[in-house]
Amino acid sequence: MTISESVATALASAAIPTLAVLVGILINHQRLSDFARSVDRRFVDLTRNIDQRFIEVNRHVDDVRDSLRADMFRIEQVLDARLKHLEEHQ
């Protein structure tokens, strides 16, 4: 059983483009996978940066709150001393 030249040409003309398309699909799949990994890596880095910024903002808010409490305590002490002074001299 021999394959005629026209049948071989028909098979080759159908098989070669099919293989070319399959190779292209595989290459694109690999490139898309690399791109997805890159985007995931960037997203993780961005999330870490945002988390770090929130930690810094929380620390700053805590520092300001502690400073305000200390200032309010000093003001309270001064006002108490003045009030005591006024009460003693009445």
C-alpha atoms as a PDB file:
ATOM      1  CA  MET A   1       0.000   0.000   0.000  1.00  0.00           C
ATOM      2  CA  THR A   2       1.643   3.120  -1.247  1.00  0.00           C
ATOM      3  CA  ILE A   3       0.566   6.649  -0.642  1.00  0.00           C
ATOM      4  CA  SER A   4       0.207   8.678  -3.764  1.00  0.00           C
ATOM      5  CA  GLU A   5       1.909  12.005  -4.126  1.00  0.00           C
ATOM      6  CA  SER A   6      -1.372  13.961  -4.016  1.00  0.00           C
ATOM      7  CA  VAL A   7      -2.437  12.260  -0.751  1.00  0.00           C
ATOM      8  CA  ALA A   8       0.970  12.949   0.790  1.00  0.00           C
ATOM      9  CA  THR A   9       0.766  16.576  -0.292  1.00  0.00           C
ATOM     10  CA  ALA A  10      -2.728  16.899   1.177  1.00  0.00           C
ATOM     11  CA  LEU A  11      -1.614  15.353   4.484  1.00  0.00           C
ATOM     12  CA  ALA A  12       1.460  17.551   4.648  1.00  0.00           C
ATOM     13  CA  SER A  13      -0.515  20.689   3.806  1.00  0.00           C
ATOM     14  CA  ALA A  14      -2.911  19.922   6.689  1.00  0.00           C
ATOM     15  CA  ALA A  15      -0.357  18.646   9.218  1.00  0.00           C
ATOM     16  CA  ILE A  16       2.317  21.350   8.963  1.00  0.00           C
ATOM     17  CA  PRO A  17       0.025  24.326   9.708  1.00  0.00           C
ATOM     18  CA  THR A  18      -1.595  22.340  12.521  1.00  0.00           C
ATOM     19  CA  LEU A  19       1.798  21.689  14.109  1.00  0.00           C
ATOM     20  CA  ALA A  20       2.772  25.330  13.657  1.00  0.00           C
ATOM     21  CA  VAL A  21      -0.407  26.472  15.399  1.00  0.00           C
ATOM     22  CA  LEU A  22       0.123  23.992  18.254  1.00  0.00           C
ATOM     23  CA  VAL A  23       3.707  25.184  18.762  1.00  0.00           C
ATOM     24  CA  GLY A  24       2.466  28.781  18.792  1.00  0.00           C
ATOM     25  CA  ILE A  25      -0.183  27.919  21.373  1.00  0.00           C
ATOM     26  CA  LEU A  26       2.424  26.280  23.615  1.00  0.00           C
ATOM     27  CA  ILE A  27       4.766  29.256  23.342  1.00  0.00           C
ATOM     28  CA  ASN A  28       1.961  31.718  24.134  1.00  0.00           C
ATOM     29  CA  HIS A  29       0.871  29.588  27.083  1.00  0.00           C
ATOM     30  CA  GLN A  30       4.394  29.695  28.502  1.00  0.00           C
ATOM     31  CA  ARG A  31       4.646  33.456  28.032  1.00  0.00           C
ATOM     32  CA  LEU A  32       1.250  33.992  29.685  1.00  0.00           C
ATOM     33  CA  SER A  33       2.309  31.810  32.609  1.00  0.00           C
ATOM     34  CA  ASP A  34       5.489  33.863  33.023  1.00  0.00           C
ATOM     35  CA  PHE A  35       3.457  37.062  32.870  1.00  0.00           C
ATOM     36  CA  ALA A  36       0.989  35.760  35.476  1.00  0.00           C
ATOM     37  CA  ARG A  37       3.881  34.859  37.814  1.00  0.00           C
ATOM     38  CA  SER A  38       5.359  38.318  37.326  1.00  0.00           C
ATOM     39  CA  VAL A  39       2.044  40.009  38.123  1.00  0.00           C
ATOM     40  CA  ASP A  40       1.578  37.818  41.196  1.00  0.00           C
ATOM     41  CA  ARG A  41       5.073  38.692  42.416  1.00  0.00           C
ATOM     42  CA  ARG A  42       4.423  42.407  41.932  1.00  0.00           C
ATOM     43  CA  PHE A  43       1.089  42.138  43.725  1.00  0.00           C
ATOM     44  CA  VAL A  44       2.730  40.420  46.700  1.00  0.00           C
ATOM     45  CA  ASP A  45       5.416  43.128  46.835  1.00  0.00           C
ATOM     46  CA  LEU A  46       2.785  45.859  46.615  1.00  0.00           C
ATOM     47  CA  THR A  47       0.754  44.239  49.388  1.00  0.00           C
ATOM     48  CA  ARG A  48       3.845  44.070  51.609  1.00  0.00           C
ATOM     49  CA  ASN A  49       4.569  47.745  50.959  1.00  0.00           C
ATOM     50  CA  ILE A  50       1.002  48.738  51.784  1.00  0.00           C
ATOM     51  CA  ASP A  51       1.070  46.640  54.956  1.00  0.00           C
ATOM     52  CA  GLN A  52       4.355  48.287  55.971  1.00  0.00           C
ATOM     53  CA  ARG A  53       2.856  51.743  55.395  1.00  0.00           C
ATOM     54  CA  PHE A  54      -0.152  50.916  57.573  1.00  0.00           C
ATOM     55  CA  ILE A  55       2.190  49.697  60.310  1.00  0.00           C
ATOM     56  CA  GLU A  56       4.140  52.967  60.103  1.00  0.00           C
ATOM     57  CA  VAL A  57       0.943  55.059  60.168  1.00  0.00           C
ATOM     58  CA  ASN A  58      -0.354  53.113  63.182  1.00  0.00           C
ATOM     59  CA  ARG A  59       2.970  53.619  64.963  1.00  0.00           C
ATOM     60  CA  HIS A  60       2.846  57.338  64.192  1.00  0.00           C
ATOM     61  CA  VAL A  61      -0.740  57.624  65.467  1.00  0.00           C
ATOM     62  CA  ASP A  62       0.251  55.799  68.665  1.00  0.00           C
ATOM     63  CA  ASP A  63       3.215  58.152  69.151  1.00  0.00           C
ATOM     64  CA  VAL A  64       1.044  61.234  68.637  1.00  0.00           C
ATOM     65  CA  ARG A  65      -1.607  59.862  71.018  1.00  0.00           C
ATOM     66  CA  ASP A  66       1.006  59.197  73.703  1.00  0.00           C
ATOM     67  CA  SER A  67       2.477  62.663  73.215  1.00  0.00           C
ATOM     68  CA  LEU A  68      -0.965  64.290  73.490  1.00  0.00           C
ATOM     69  CA  ARG A  69      -1.730  62.307  76.641  1.00  0.00           C
ATOM     70  CA  ALA A  70       1.526  63.470  78.202  1.00  0.00           C
ATOM     71  CA  ASP A  71       0.804  67.085  77.229  1.00  0.00           C
ATOM     72  CA  MET A  72      -2.736  66.866  78.604  1.00  0.00           C
ATOM     73  CA  PHE A  73      -1.413  65.383  81.848  1.00  0.00           C
ATOM     74  CA  ARG A  74       1.058  68.283  82.222  1.00  0.00           C
ATOM     75  CA  ILE A  75      -1.729  70.797  81.523  1.00  0.00           C
ATOM     76  CA  GLU A  76      -3.903  69.072  84.099  1.00  0.00           C
ATOM     77  CA  GLN A  77      -1.096  69.272  86.665  1.00  0.00           C
ATOM     78  CA  VAL A  78      -0.574  72.998  85.986  1.00  0.00           C
ATOM     79  CA  LEU A  79      -4.295  73.718  86.237  1.00  0.00           C
ATOM     80  CA  ASP A  80      -4.557  71.734  89.472  1.00  0.00           C
ATOM     81  CA  ALA A  81      -1.644  73.646  90.922  1.00  0.00           C
ATOM     82  CA  ARG A  82      -3.161  76.991  89.947  1.00  0.00           C
ATOM     83  CA  LEU A  83      -6.570  75.996  91.285  1.00  0.00           C
ATOM     84  CA  LYS A  84      -5.007  74.873  94.561  1.00  0.00           C
ATOM     85  CA  HIS A  85      -3.104  78.161  94.749  1.00  0.00           C
ATOM     86  CA  LEU A  86      -6.324  80.152  94.173  1.00  0.00           C
ATOM     87  CA  GLU A  87      -8.211  78.112  96.775  1.00  0.00           C
ATOM     88  CA  GLU A  88      -5.478  78.684  99.369  1.00  0.00           C
ATOM     89  CA  HIS A  89      -5.464  82.455  98.812  1.00  0.00           C
ATOM     90  CA  GLN A  90      -9.210  82.991  98.979  1.00  0.00           C
END
